[in-house]
Amino acid sequence: MYAIHYFENKVELLNIASRIIPAVDDSVSIKGRNGKVKSVEKMGETKYFVVVEFEKKVEKSKTNLWRIGMKRK
């Protein structure tokens, strides 16, 4: 078993014990976000640091569904 530490922009996202070490350019899904592995560093005998880059979030436009002149009660 290996201790895999996932990072994005120097922020640790997830620690997991796994038998599989991710390779560079593998697709990963962490906390509902999809991304790709950018680099894998071996820090010890069983400890690996994995740097992940996530896909950009598409921001939805915030449109007012209510009429402009209508006020809520």
Protein backbone atom coordinates (compact mmCIF):
# COMPACT_ATOMS: atom_id res chain seq x y z
CA MET A 1 0.00 0.00 0.00
CA TYR A 2 1.20 3.47 -0.91
CA ALA A 3 0.26 6.82 0.64
CA ILE A 4 -0.80 9.07 -2.23
CA HIS A 5 -1.05 12.84 -1.55
CA TYR A 6 -2.89 14.87 -4.21
CA PHE A 7 -2.02 18.59 -4.59
CA GLU A 8 -3.33 21.49 -6.64
CA ASN A 9 -1.44 24.81 -6.50
CA LYS A 10 0.47 23.73 -3.36
CA VAL A 11 -2.81 22.95 -1.58
CA GLU A 12 -3.31 19.38 -0.43
CA LEU A 13 -6.64 18.03 -1.65
CA LEU A 14 -6.66 14.39 -0.65
CA ASN A 15 -4.65 11.69 1.11
CA ILE A 16 -5.41 8.13 0.16
CA ALA A 17 -3.89 4.71 0.70
CA SER A 18 -3.81 2.89 -2.60
CA ARG A 19 -2.07 0.02 -4.34
CA ILE A 20 -2.05 1.90 -7.65
CA ILE A 21 0.26 4.85 -8.30
CA PRO A 22 -1.18 7.26 -10.92
CA ALA A 23 0.95 8.00 -13.98
CA VAL A 24 1.48 11.34 -15.70
CA ASP A 25 -1.46 12.38 -17.96
CA ASP A 26 -3.88 9.96 -16.24
CA SER A 27 -7.41 11.22 -15.69
CA VAL A 28 -8.50 11.52 -12.06
CA SER A 29 -11.73 12.52 -10.36
CA ILE A 30 -11.39 14.05 -6.89
CA LYS A 31 -14.32 15.51 -4.97
CA GLY A 32 -16.48 15.58 -8.08
CA ARG A 33 -13.92 17.48 -10.16
CA ASN A 34 -12.17 15.99 -13.19
CA GLY A 35 -8.50 16.61 -13.85
CA LYS A 36 -5.20 15.28 -15.16
CA VAL A 37 -2.03 14.28 -13.36
CA LYS A 38 0.79 16.73 -14.12
CA SER A 39 3.61 15.17 -12.09
CA VAL A 40 4.34 12.37 -9.64
CA GLU A 41 7.14 12.64 -7.05
CA LYS A 42 8.38 9.82 -4.84
CA MET A 43 9.02 11.28 -1.38
CA GLY A 44 9.78 8.09 0.50
CA GLU A 45 9.54 4.35 0.25
CA THR A 46 5.73 4.36 0.26
CA LYS A 47 4.89 8.08 -0.01
CA TYR A 48 4.03 9.81 -3.32
CA PHE A 49 3.08 13.43 -4.07
CA VAL A 50 0.82 13.85 -7.12
CA VAL A 51 0.25 17.28 -8.67
CA VAL A 52 -3.15 17.57 -10.37
CA GLU A 53 -4.55 20.22 -12.72
CA PHE A 54 -8.34 20.39 -12.81
CA GLU A 55 -10.55 21.44 -15.68
CA LYS A 56 -11.76 25.02 -15.50
CA LYS A 57 -15.23 25.54 -14.07
CA VAL A 58 -17.71 27.12 -16.45
CA GLU A 59 -19.54 29.88 -14.63
CA LYS A 60 -23.19 30.14 -15.50
CA SER A 61 -24.58 33.59 -16.06
CA LYS A 62 -26.66 34.86 -13.20
CA THR A 63 -29.89 35.94 -14.79
CA ASN A 64 -32.80 37.27 -12.84
CA LEU A 65 -35.73 34.93 -13.36
CA TRP A 66 -38.13 37.34 -11.74
CA ARG A 67 -39.37 40.40 -13.54
CA ILE A 68 -37.17 43.41 -12.89
CA GLY A 69 -39.88 45.54 -11.26
CA MET A 70 -41.32 42.74 -9.12
CA LYS A 71 -40.37 42.70 -5.43
CA ARG A 72 -40.49 39.70 -3.14
CA LYS A 73 -42.75 39.81 -0.13
